[in-house]
C-alpha cells in the first residue's frame, strides 16, 4: 500500500473515552432515567485524543468506529451519535494540524456487518458474490470542511472463505464519495482500469467512475479504487455495489483481464472519513444498505 494511504495500520485497544450527554426529563416531580435506546435526547460522544487507541459503538447491523495510524499525534476527533436513531444522525468530526502532509491520519467510519473483524452486534451473513442478488447502499451525507481536509469513502474487503481473516483476504475495494487532491494524485500513480459507467439508480444519476488498481496494498492483496471522473462529490447517492462488483467480474476493456471470479465472499462494508489535515465534519443524515441473496 502506498504510504500516503496506509490508514489500515491502526492500533486497536480498549475504549479510551465514552461521554454521554442527555437532557434530564422530569415527570411527576421527579427525575427519571429514560431508556437510551428510545430516548431521542440521549447522545453518546466517542472522543479520540493524543495517546488513545480506538472507540466503538454498535447497534443492530451497524457499528461506529474510529482509529488512528499514530496514537501519539496531536488531534481531536469525535463521533456523536443518538442510540435511538443510529446510524442516522451520526456526526464524525476531526481536528488535525493545518499543515499536515498528504498521509491519511485515521479512518473514522460506520460499519455495516463485518469490516476487518470489527463485527456488528447483529452479524451480516457471508455470501459468495455470485449468490448475491442485491447489494445497494443509499446515503445522504453532508461534508463541512476544506476540500483537501479529508476523503469520504465506502470501503470493504473480499475473502476466499466465510472466515474473513487477513489470511483469507482477496482484495480491498474503495469508492470515493469526496476525493481530495492527494487521493486523485495517488490514483493517477496506479494502474488504470479505465472508466466504469454506472447507470442511474435511486438518488444517483448516470455517472462515470475512474478506476485504478494497486497490485499490492498493505495486506499484500490487490486494491481497487473508484472516484467520480468529473471530480464531483457523490455524498447524496445510491451505490449499486453489486453492479460495481459485476464490472470487476467482466473482461476489462482496457487490460482484457478479469479481476473477480464471483467465488469471493462478502460480509460487510464501511462508509466513513479519512482525515488528512485541518478541521471538519461529516453528518450521516441517512444510511441504509440493501443486501439480499
Foldseek 3Di string as FASTA:
>chain_A
DPQQEPQPQFADDEQDDKDKDFDWDDDPHHTDDDDQLADQRIKIKRKQAAPDGKDKDADAQKMWIKTWNHSRFGWIWMWMDRNNDPPAFIKTKIAFAAPFDSHFTMWTWMKGADAQNPGHPHHFFKDFLLVWPFKKKFFAKDWWDPLQFKWWKKKGWWFLDRVPHLVGTAEMEIETQRDHPSNVVVQVVFAWLAWDFDPDDDPRHTFIWTKGWDCQDPSGHIYIYTYTPVNHGQNRHMDGVSVVLVQLQDQRPVPRDRRDPRSIMDTMMIITMRGGHGIIMMTTNDMDIDIDD
